[in-house]
Amino acid sequence: MQIIAVANQKGGCGKTTTAINLAAALATLGHRVLLVDLDPQGHATLGLGYDPNRFAKTAYHALTEGYLPVSALAVKTRVPQLDLLPSNILLAGAEFSLRDVPGKELILGEQLRGVGRRYDLCLIDCSPSLGILMLNALVAGTEVIVPVQAHFYALDGLKRLLDTMRVLRTRFHPCLVRPLGLLLTFMENRTALSKRVEQGLRKLFGPLVFDTVIHKTVALAEAPGKGQSILTYAPGSKGAAEYLALAQETLARLPLTQALEPQGPKLALP
């Protein structure tokens, strides 16, 4: 199972939107996908149609109660082949609960290995703050997608995240998580600022920046309020097409993509 963390140490960059819609797009292409909501705000849970407060057991319990496997906590979503490990505000207590636990950064990875045969891909929606939750995601992940808002402060958080990954590779393993790509989000072709940010990012990072960019659209903003991914809320929209393109590009970039054949049927969009 490939594990991809969707992370940035800056809020408001489209991280949760990307986690939800990329996971849905990968499932639509026929892959068995698990989305892990690792943000105490529970926005990925909410964005897929669930009230975070309805769950008695969540990602928090996967981290703090080792006897509870992910397979017992994951729930189905409206998207066939896409499951969710939900989250709610209880997860904020993980920093305190795990503070004295040896190897606390390794817990999520150990838990996810238990469902490695059940899913082809796992996406982790990370909290923006650098703490035990993000460290668990980065240590568990094989790759990281970094959403970067087409905004003046685009590099704010990006440098810190890349520095964090370098430290983790030094501390744990030199082959630990590396960026799969930088994803430009909230693009507005009509503004000179978006174009300058894109040009600057591509000049600095070259092919590390995804060819696919995600534009700011009304449908993408509305979909979470309806508890749906863009692929079910507005399947014919620009946002749906862009996330499907991102899914294809993600698969092409994964080192084991050739061995990663869809285990389920491709889904026809309504």
C-alpha atoms as a PDB file:
ATOM      1  CA  MET A   1       0.000   0.000   0.000  1.00  0.00           C
ATOM      2  CA  GLN A   2       1.305   3.413  -0.990  1.00  0.00           C
ATOM      3  CA  ILE A   3       0.878   6.018   1.757  1.00  0.00           C
ATOM      4  CA  ILE A   4       0.710   9.670   0.709  1.00  0.00           C
ATOM      5  CA  ALA A   5       0.585  12.470   3.251  1.00  0.00           C
ATOM      6  CA  VAL A   6      -1.074  15.692   2.100  1.00  0.00           C
ATOM      7  CA  ALA A   7       0.690  18.315   4.165  1.00  0.00           C
ATOM      8  CA  ASN A   8       1.797  21.897   4.496  1.00  0.00           C
ATOM      9  CA  GLN A   9       2.795  23.824   7.604  1.00  0.00           C
ATOM     10  CA  LYS A  10       0.460  26.610   6.535  1.00  0.00           C
ATOM     11  CA  GLY A  11      -3.312  26.643   6.739  1.00  0.00           C
ATOM     12  CA  GLY A  12      -5.672  27.706   3.972  1.00  0.00           C
ATOM     13  CA  CYS A  13      -3.704  26.109   1.137  1.00  0.00           C
ATOM     14  CA  GLY A  14      -6.347  23.606  -0.009  1.00  0.00           C
ATOM     15  CA  LYS A  15      -4.898  20.668   1.897  1.00  0.00           C
ATOM     16  CA  THR A  16      -8.177  19.074   2.975  1.00  0.00           C
ATOM     17  CA  THR A  17      -9.859  19.853  -0.353  1.00  0.00           C
ATOM     18  CA  THR A  18      -7.002  18.078  -2.098  1.00  0.00           C
ATOM     19  CA  ALA A  19      -7.023  15.096   0.269  1.00  0.00           C
ATOM     20  CA  ILE A  20     -10.758  14.539  -0.203  1.00  0.00           C
ATOM     21  CA  ASN A  21     -10.906  15.029  -3.948  1.00  0.00           C
ATOM     22  CA  LEU A  22      -7.679  13.251  -4.845  1.00  0.00           C
ATOM     23  CA  ALA A  23      -8.777  10.274  -2.744  1.00  0.00           C
ATOM     24  CA  ALA A  24     -12.161  10.266  -4.515  1.00  0.00           C
ATOM     25  CA  ALA A  25     -10.501  10.557  -7.927  1.00  0.00           C
ATOM     26  CA  LEU A  26      -8.146   7.649  -7.220  1.00  0.00           C
ATOM     27  CA  ALA A  27     -11.106   5.532  -6.092  1.00  0.00           C
ATOM     28  CA  THR A  28     -13.009   6.522  -9.233  1.00  0.00           C
ATOM     29  CA  LEU A  29     -10.072   5.232 -11.283  1.00  0.00           C
ATOM     30  CA  GLY A  30     -10.514   1.823  -9.668  1.00  0.00           C
ATOM     31  CA  HIS A  31      -8.158   1.878  -6.697  1.00  0.00           C
ATOM     32  CA  ARG A  32      -9.068   0.899  -3.134  1.00  0.00           C
ATOM     33  CA  VAL A  33      -8.361   3.994  -1.092  1.00  0.00           C
ATOM     34  CA  LEU A  34      -8.269   4.846   2.610  1.00  0.00           C
ATOM     35  CA  LEU A  35      -8.411   8.510   3.617  1.00  0.00           C
ATOM     36  CA  VAL A  36      -7.073   9.188   7.117  1.00  0.00           C
ATOM     37  CA  ASP A  37      -8.373  12.378   8.720  1.00  0.00           C
ATOM     38  CA  LEU A  38      -5.483  13.393  10.978  1.00  0.00           C
ATOM     39  CA  ASP A  39      -6.676  16.929  11.689  1.00  0.00           C
ATOM     40  CA  PRO A  40      -8.555  17.530  14.965  1.00  0.00           C
ATOM     41  CA  GLN A  41     -10.880  19.906  13.108  1.00  0.00           C
ATOM     42  CA  GLY A  42     -12.323  16.865  11.342  1.00  0.00           C
ATOM     43  CA  HIS A  43     -12.831  18.745   8.089  1.00  0.00           C
ATOM     44  CA  ALA A  44     -12.141  15.734   5.857  1.00  0.00           C
ATOM     45  CA  THR A  45     -14.720  13.791   7.867  1.00  0.00           C
ATOM     46  CA  LEU A  46     -17.203  16.646   7.555  1.00  0.00           C
ATOM     47  CA  GLY A  47     -16.433  17.138   3.874  1.00  0.00           C
ATOM     48  CA  LEU A  48     -17.354  13.531   3.142  1.00  0.00           C
ATOM     49  CA  GLY A  49     -20.781  13.868   4.734  1.00  0.00           C
ATOM     50  CA  TYR A  50     -20.200  12.750   8.317  1.00  0.00           C
ATOM     51  CA  ASP A  51     -20.740  14.671  11.537  1.00  0.00           C
ATOM     52  CA  PRO A  52     -17.361  14.264  13.294  1.00  0.00           C
ATOM     53  CA  ASN A  53     -19.056  14.256  16.690  1.00  0.00           C
ATOM     54  CA  ARG A  54     -21.111  11.159  15.911  1.00  0.00           C
ATOM     55  CA  PHE A  55     -18.080   8.891  16.203  1.00  0.00           C
ATOM     56  CA  ALA A  56     -17.202   7.370  19.560  1.00  0.00           C
ATOM     57  CA  LYS A  57     -14.001   5.876  18.137  1.00  0.00           C
ATOM     58  CA  THR A  58     -11.785   7.773  15.693  1.00  0.00           C
ATOM     59  CA  ALA A  59      -8.194   8.257  14.552  1.00  0.00           C
ATOM     60  CA  TYR A  60      -7.455   9.330  18.117  1.00  0.00           C
ATOM     61  CA  HIS A  61      -8.181   5.804  19.335  1.00  0.00           C
ATOM     62  CA  ALA A  62      -6.086   4.259  16.552  1.00  0.00           C
ATOM     63  CA  LEU A  63      -3.134   6.237  17.928  1.00  0.00           C
ATOM     64  CA  THR A  64      -3.765   5.860  21.653  1.00  0.00           C
ATOM     65  CA  GLU A  65      -5.409   2.440  21.916  1.00  0.00           C
ATOM     66  CA  GLY A  66      -3.209   0.048  19.984  1.00  0.00           C
ATOM     67  CA  TYR A  67      -5.631  -2.838  20.348  1.00  0.00           C
ATOM     68  CA  LEU A  68      -8.107  -1.013  18.089  1.00  0.00           C
ATOM     69  CA  PRO A  69      -7.133  -1.741  14.466  1.00  0.00           C
ATOM     70  CA  VAL A  70      -7.787   0.737  11.670  1.00  0.00           C
ATOM     71  CA  SER A  71      -9.997  -1.867  10.003  1.00  0.00           C
ATOM     72  CA  ALA A  72     -12.422  -1.633  12.947  1.00  0.00           C
ATOM     73  CA  LEU A  73     -12.541   2.170  12.804  1.00  0.00           C
ATOM     74  CA  ALA A  74     -12.751   2.937   9.087  1.00  0.00           C
ATOM     75  CA  VAL A  75     -16.149   3.741   7.571  1.00  0.00           C
ATOM     76  CA  LYS A  76     -17.520   3.646   4.037  1.00  0.00           C
ATOM     77  CA  THR A  77     -18.140   6.857   2.110  1.00  0.00           C
ATOM     78  CA  ARG A  78     -20.494   7.764  -0.729  1.00  0.00           C
ATOM     79  CA  VAL A  79     -17.642   7.070  -3.136  1.00  0.00           C
ATOM     80  CA  PRO A  80     -17.318   3.332  -3.850  1.00  0.00           C
ATOM     81  CA  GLN A  81     -13.867   1.974  -2.928  1.00  0.00           C
ATOM     82  CA  LEU A  82     -13.111   4.977  -0.686  1.00  0.00           C
ATOM     83  CA  ASP A  83     -13.064   4.442   3.092  1.00  0.00           C
ATOM     84  CA  LEU A  84     -12.465   7.038   5.789  1.00  0.00           C
ATOM     85  CA  LEU A  85     -10.700   6.890   9.140  1.00  0.00           C
ATOM     86  CA  PRO A  86     -12.657   9.709  10.811  1.00  0.00           C
ATOM     87  CA  SER A  87     -11.506  12.362  13.229  1.00  0.00           C
ATOM     88  CA  ASN A  88     -12.954  14.866  15.656  1.00  0.00           C
ATOM     89  CA  ILE A  89     -11.750  17.266  18.330  1.00  0.00           C
ATOM     90  CA  LEU A  90     -10.662  14.363  20.570  1.00  0.00           C
ATOM     91  CA  LEU A  91      -7.617  14.049  18.333  1.00  0.00           C
ATOM     92  CA  ALA A  92      -6.288  17.310  19.768  1.00  0.00           C
ATOM     93  CA  GLY A  93      -5.624  15.346  22.975  1.00  0.00           C
ATOM     94  CA  ALA A  94      -3.178  13.011  21.234  1.00  0.00           C
ATOM     95  CA  GLU A  95      -0.285  15.397  21.860  1.00  0.00           C
ATOM     96  CA  PHE A  96      -0.864  15.042  25.613  1.00  0.00           C
ATOM     97  CA  SER A  97      -1.803  11.350  25.606  1.00  0.00           C
ATOM     98  CA  LEU A  98       1.293  10.287  23.660  1.00  0.00           C
ATOM     99  CA  ARG A  99       3.862  12.653  25.163  1.00  0.00           C
ATOM    100  CA  ASP A 100       5.635   9.954  27.195  1.00  0.00           C
ATOM    101  CA  VAL A 101       5.061   7.003  24.852  1.00  0.00           C
ATOM    102  CA  PRO A 102       8.301   5.564  23.424  1.00  0.00           C
ATOM    103  CA  GLY A 103       8.302   5.543  19.610  1.00  0.00           C
ATOM    104  CA  LYS A 104       5.197   7.716  19.478  1.00  0.00           C
ATOM    105  CA  GLU A 105       6.119   8.959  15.985  1.00  0.00           C
ATOM    106  CA  LEU A 106       5.827   5.399  14.635  1.00  0.00           C
ATOM    107  CA  ILE A 107       2.328   4.485  15.828  1.00  0.00           C
ATOM    108  CA  LEU A 108       0.323   5.472  12.748  1.00  0.00           C
ATOM    109  CA  GLY A 109       2.680   3.670  10.405  1.00  0.00           C
ATOM    110  CA  GLU A 110       2.407   0.503  12.471  1.00  0.00           C
ATOM    111  CA  GLN A 111      -1.386   0.748  12.463  1.00  0.00           C
ATOM    112  CA  LEU A 112      -1.558   1.298   8.700  1.00  0.00           C
ATOM    113  CA  ARG A 113       0.593  -1.727   8.023  1.00  0.00           C
ATOM    114  CA  GLY A 114      -2.305  -3.755   9.428  1.00  0.00           C
ATOM    115  CA  VAL A 115      -4.522  -2.739   6.492  1.00  0.00           C
ATOM    116  CA  GLY A 116      -1.844  -2.862   3.805  1.00  0.00           C
ATOM    117  CA  ARG A 117      -3.579  -5.690   1.955  1.00  0.00           C
ATOM    118  CA  ARG A 118      -7.018  -4.104   2.152  1.00  0.00           C
ATOM    119  CA  TYR A 119      -6.138  -0.891   0.270  1.00  0.00           C
ATOM    120  CA  ASP A 120      -3.981   0.101  -2.686  1.00  0.00           C
ATOM    121  CA  LEU A 121      -3.472   3.671  -1.511  1.00  0.00           C
ATOM    122  CA  CYS A 122      -3.775   5.624   1.708  1.00  0.00           C
ATOM    123  CA  LEU A 123      -3.989   9.424   1.822  1.00  0.00           C
ATOM    124  CA  ILE A 124      -3.464  11.304   5.091  1.00  0.00           C
ATOM    125  CA  ASP A 125      -5.001  14.735   5.609  1.00  0.00           C
ATOM    126  CA  CYS A 126      -2.513  16.342   8.001  1.00  0.00           C
ATOM    127  CA  SER A 127      -2.909  19.008  10.631  1.00  0.00           C
ATOM    128  CA  PRO A 128      -1.043  22.197   9.622  1.00  0.00           C
ATOM    129  CA  SER A 129       0.810  22.422  12.930  1.00  0.00           C
ATOM    130  CA  LEU A 130       4.072  20.571  13.438  1.00  0.00           C
ATOM    131  CA  GLY A 131       3.432  18.188  16.294  1.00  0.00           C
ATOM    132  CA  ILE A 132       3.045  14.505  16.994  1.00  0.00           C
ATOM    133  CA  LEU A 133       0.172  14.172  14.491  1.00  0.00           C
ATOM    134  CA  MET A 134       2.099  15.557  11.530  1.00  0.00           C
ATOM    135  CA  LEU A 135       5.229  13.647  12.547  1.00  0.00           C
ATOM    136  CA  ASN A 136       3.212  10.418  12.573  1.00  0.00           C
ATOM    137  CA  ALA A 137       1.908  11.188   9.095  1.00  0.00           C
ATOM    138  CA  LEU A 138       5.333  12.051   7.693  1.00  0.00           C
ATOM    139  CA  VAL A 139       6.995   8.989   9.219  1.00  0.00           C
ATOM    140  CA  ALA A 140       4.164   6.715   8.046  1.00  0.00           C
ATOM    141  CA  GLY A 141       4.019   8.167   4.554  1.00  0.00           C
ATOM    142  CA  THR A 142       6.073   7.006   1.622  1.00  0.00           C
ATOM    143  CA  GLU A 143       5.415  10.269  -0.229  1.00  0.00           C
ATOM    144  CA  VAL A 144       4.123  13.779   0.467  1.00  0.00           C
ATOM    145  CA  ILE A 145       1.972  16.021  -1.711  1.00  0.00           C
ATOM    146  CA  VAL A 146       2.317  19.672  -0.722  1.00  0.00           C
ATOM    147  CA  PRO A 147      -0.567  21.958  -1.744  1.00  0.00           C
ATOM    148  CA  VAL A 148       0.684  25.505  -2.288  1.00  0.00           C
ATOM    149  CA  GLN A 149      -1.767  28.352  -2.576  1.00  0.00           C
ATOM    150  CA  ALA A 150      -1.175  30.705  -5.523  1.00  0.00           C
ATOM    151  CA  HIS A 151      -0.734  33.581  -3.122  1.00  0.00           C
ATOM    152  CA  PHE A 152       1.891  36.072  -1.959  1.00  0.00           C
ATOM    153  CA  TYR A 153       2.743  33.852   1.015  1.00  0.00           C
ATOM    154  CA  ALA A 154       3.056  30.695  -1.113  1.00  0.00           C
ATOM    155  CA  LEU A 155       6.468  29.730   0.231  1.00  0.00           C
ATOM    156  CA  ASP A 156       5.471  30.330   3.842  1.00  0.00           C
ATOM    157  CA  GLY A 157       5.196  26.862   5.378  1.00  0.00           C
ATOM    158  CA  LEU A 158       6.676  25.106   2.350  1.00  0.00           C
ATOM    159  CA  LYS A 159      10.280  25.719   3.395  1.00  0.00           C
ATOM    160  CA  ARG A 160       9.505  24.675   6.977  1.00  0.00           C
ATOM    161  CA  LEU A 161       7.883  21.444   5.781  1.00  0.00           C
ATOM    162  CA  LEU A 162      10.809  20.575   3.506  1.00  0.00           C
ATOM    163  CA  ASP A 163      13.211  21.273   6.403  1.00  0.00           C
ATOM    164  CA  THR A 164      11.118  19.014   8.663  1.00  0.00           C
ATOM    165  CA  MET A 165      11.315  16.175   6.133  1.00  0.00           C
ATOM    166  CA  ARG A 166      15.089  16.543   5.935  1.00  0.00           C
ATOM    167  CA  VAL A 167      15.354  16.325   9.727  1.00  0.00           C
ATOM    168  CA  LEU A 168      13.161  13.198   9.781  1.00  0.00           C
ATOM    169  CA  ARG A 169      15.320  11.512   7.142  1.00  0.00           C
ATOM    170  CA  THR A 170      18.385  12.280   9.254  1.00  0.00           C
ATOM    171  CA  ARG A 171      16.796  11.038  12.472  1.00  0.00           C
ATOM    172  CA  PHE A 172      14.961   7.936  11.239  1.00  0.00           C
ATOM    173  CA  HIS A 173      16.042   6.773   7.778  1.00  0.00           C
ATOM    174  CA  PRO A 174      17.603   8.409   4.702  1.00  0.00           C
ATOM    175  CA  CYS A 175      14.922   6.892   2.461  1.00  0.00           C
ATOM    176  CA  LEU A 176      12.063   8.227   4.578  1.00  0.00           C
ATOM    177  CA  VAL A 177       9.249  10.326   3.148  1.00  0.00           C
ATOM    178  CA  ARG A 178      10.049  12.628   0.251  1.00  0.00           C
ATOM    179  CA  PRO A 179       7.889  15.115  -1.657  1.00  0.00           C
ATOM    180  CA  LEU A 180       5.982  13.519  -4.509  1.00  0.00           C
ATOM    181  CA  GLY A 181       5.105  16.956  -5.811  1.00  0.00           C
ATOM    182  CA  LEU A 182       4.042  20.523  -5.108  1.00  0.00           C
ATOM    183  CA  LEU A 183       0.472  21.276  -6.129  1.00  0.00           C
ATOM    184  CA  LEU A 184      -0.639  24.788  -7.017  1.00  0.00           C
ATOM    185  CA  THR A 185      -4.127  25.492  -5.656  1.00  0.00           C
ATOM    186  CA  PHE A 186      -6.584  28.403  -5.764  1.00  0.00           C
ATOM    187  CA  MET A 187      -5.240  29.409  -9.173  1.00  0.00           C
ATOM    188  CA  GLU A 188      -6.918  32.378 -10.829  1.00  0.00           C
ATOM    189  CA  ASN A 189      -5.768  32.832 -14.403  1.00  0.00           C
ATOM    190  CA  ARG A 190      -7.128  36.365 -14.517  1.00  0.00           C
ATOM    191  CA  THR A 191      -4.745  37.607 -11.853  1.00  0.00           C
ATOM    192  CA  ALA A 192      -1.117  38.505 -12.440  1.00  0.00           C
ATOM    193  CA  LEU A 193      -0.293  37.337  -8.909  1.00  0.00           C
ATOM    194  CA  SER A 194      -1.293  33.722  -9.596  1.00  0.00           C
ATOM    195  CA  LYS A 195       0.839  33.686 -12.723  1.00  0.00           C
ATOM    196  CA  ARG A 196       3.845  35.144 -10.898  1.00  0.00           C
ATOM    197  CA  VAL A 197       3.545  32.613  -8.094  1.00  0.00           C
ATOM    198  CA  GLU A 198       3.344  29.741 -10.574  1.00  0.00           C
ATOM    199  CA  GLN A 199       6.329  31.007 -12.550  1.00  0.00           C
ATOM    200  CA  GLY A 200       8.367  31.494  -9.392  1.00  0.00           C
ATOM    201  CA  LEU A 201       7.511  28.055  -8.005  1.00  0.00           C
ATOM    202  CA  ARG A 202       8.337  26.299 -11.273  1.00  0.00           C
ATOM    203  CA  LYS A 203      11.612  28.213 -11.527  1.00  0.00           C
ATOM    204  CA  LEU A 204      12.609  27.224  -7.978  1.00  0.00           C
ATOM    205  CA  PHE A 205      11.433  23.605  -7.980  1.00  0.00           C
ATOM    206  CA  GLY A 206      11.187  22.634 -11.658  1.00  0.00           C
ATOM    207  CA  PRO A 207       9.583  19.236 -12.326  1.00  0.00           C
ATOM    208  CA  LEU A 208       8.745  18.783  -8.648  1.00  0.00           C
ATOM    209  CA  VAL A 209       5.733  21.036  -9.306  1.00  0.00           C
ATOM    210  CA  PHE A 210       2.766  19.079 -10.676  1.00  0.00           C
ATOM    211  CA  ASP A 211       1.747  19.927 -14.230  1.00  0.00           C
ATOM    212  CA  THR A 212      -1.839  19.842 -12.997  1.00  0.00           C
ATOM    213  CA  VAL A 213      -3.002  22.964 -11.187  1.00  0.00           C
ATOM    214  CA  ILE A 214      -6.237  23.374  -9.235  1.00  0.00           C
ATOM    215  CA  HIS A 215      -8.235  26.476 -10.039  1.00  0.00           C
ATOM    216  CA  LYS A 216     -10.443  28.351  -7.614  1.00  0.00           C
ATOM    217  CA  THR A 217     -14.057  27.507  -8.528  1.00  0.00           C
ATOM    218  CA  VAL A 218     -17.474  27.883  -6.956  1.00  0.00           C
ATOM    219  CA  ALA A 219     -18.201  24.143  -7.192  1.00  0.00           C
ATOM    220  CA  LEU A 220     -15.048  23.212  -5.265  1.00  0.00           C
ATOM    221  CA  ALA A 221     -16.024  25.642  -2.525  1.00  0.00           C
ATOM    222  CA  GLU A 222     -19.590  24.313  -2.357  1.00  0.00           C
ATOM    223  CA  ALA A 223     -18.913  20.562  -2.389  1.00  0.00           C
ATOM    224  CA  PRO A 224     -17.745  20.166   1.251  1.00  0.00           C
ATOM    225  CA  GLY A 225     -20.882  21.909   2.487  1.00  0.00           C
ATOM    226  CA  LYS A 226     -22.889  19.198   0.745  1.00  0.00           C
ATOM    227  CA  GLY A 227     -20.735  16.467   2.275  1.00  0.00           C
ATOM    228  CA  GLN A 228     -19.451  15.370  -1.113  1.00  0.00           C
ATOM    229  CA  SER A 229     -16.306  15.250  -3.168  1.00  0.00           C
ATOM    230  CA  ILE A 230     -16.269  17.323  -6.332  1.00  0.00           C
ATOM    231  CA  LEU A 231     -16.546  14.110  -8.352  1.00  0.00           C
ATOM    232  CA  THR A 232     -20.024  13.361  -7.009  1.00  0.00           C
ATOM    233  CA  TYR A 233     -21.187  16.944  -6.424  1.00  0.00           C
ATOM    234  CA  ALA A 234     -20.244  18.331  -9.846  1.00  0.00           C
ATOM    235  CA  PRO A 235     -18.781  15.512 -11.964  1.00  0.00           C
ATOM    236  CA  GLY A 236     -18.734  17.579 -15.140  1.00  0.00           C
ATOM    237  CA  SER A 237     -16.999  20.557 -13.541  1.00  0.00           C
ATOM    238  CA  LYS A 238     -13.534  21.946 -14.099  1.00  0.00           C
ATOM    239  CA  GLY A 239     -12.596  20.950 -10.542  1.00  0.00           C
ATOM    240  CA  ALA A 240     -13.569  17.308 -11.126  1.00  0.00           C
ATOM    241  CA  ALA A 241     -11.534  17.182 -14.331  1.00  0.00           C
ATOM    242  CA  GLU A 242      -8.513  18.713 -12.609  1.00  0.00           C
ATOM    243  CA  TYR A 243      -8.571  16.269  -9.705  1.00  0.00           C
ATOM    244  CA  LEU A 244      -8.909  13.328 -12.081  1.00  0.00           C
ATOM    245  CA  ALA A 245      -5.890  14.682 -13.969  1.00  0.00           C
ATOM    246  CA  LEU A 246      -4.031  15.040 -10.669  1.00  0.00           C
ATOM    247  CA  ALA A 247      -4.876  11.422  -9.794  1.00  0.00           C
ATOM    248  CA  GLN A 248      -3.415  10.234 -13.101  1.00  0.00           C
ATOM    249  CA  GLU A 249      -0.299  12.347 -12.606  1.00  0.00           C
ATOM    250  CA  THR A 250       0.064  11.091  -9.024  1.00  0.00           C
ATOM    251  CA  LEU A 251      -0.077   7.480 -10.155  1.00  0.00           C
ATOM    252  CA  ALA A 252       2.499   8.184 -12.859  1.00  0.00           C
ATOM    253  CA  ARG A 253       4.873   9.660 -10.265  1.00  0.00           C
ATOM    254  CA  LEU A 254       4.596   6.879  -7.702  1.00  0.00           C
ATOM    255  CA  PRO A 255       7.700   4.658  -7.754  1.00  0.00           C
ATOM    256  CA  LEU A 256       5.648   1.464  -7.634  1.00  0.00           C
ATOM    257  CA  THR A 257       2.890   2.545 -10.004  1.00  0.00           C
ATOM    258  CA  GLN A 258       3.680  -0.179 -12.502  1.00  0.00           C
ATOM    259  CA  ALA A 259       2.844  -2.761  -9.839  1.00  0.00           C
ATOM    260  CA  LEU A 260      -0.211  -0.836  -8.650  1.00  0.00           C
ATOM    261  CA  GLU A 261      -3.068  -2.161 -10.752  1.00  0.00           C
ATOM    262  CA  PRO A 262      -6.644  -1.178  -9.870  1.00  0.00           C
ATOM    263  CA  GLN A 263      -8.317  -3.881  -7.812  1.00  0.00           C
ATOM    264  CA  GLY A 264     -11.844  -2.608  -8.423  1.00  0.00           C
ATOM    265  CA  PRO A 265     -13.811  -1.369 -11.411  1.00  0.00           C
ATOM    266  CA  LYS A 266     -13.398   2.128 -12.773  1.00  0.00           C
ATOM    267  CA  LEU A 267     -16.485   4.112 -11.896  1.00  0.00           C
ATOM    268  CA  ALA A 268     -18.545   5.988 -14.450  1.00  0.00           C
ATOM    269  CA  LEU A 269     -19.188   9.538 -13.316  1.00  0.00           C
ATOM    270  CA  PRO A 270     -22.904  10.425 -13.177  1.00  0.00           C
END
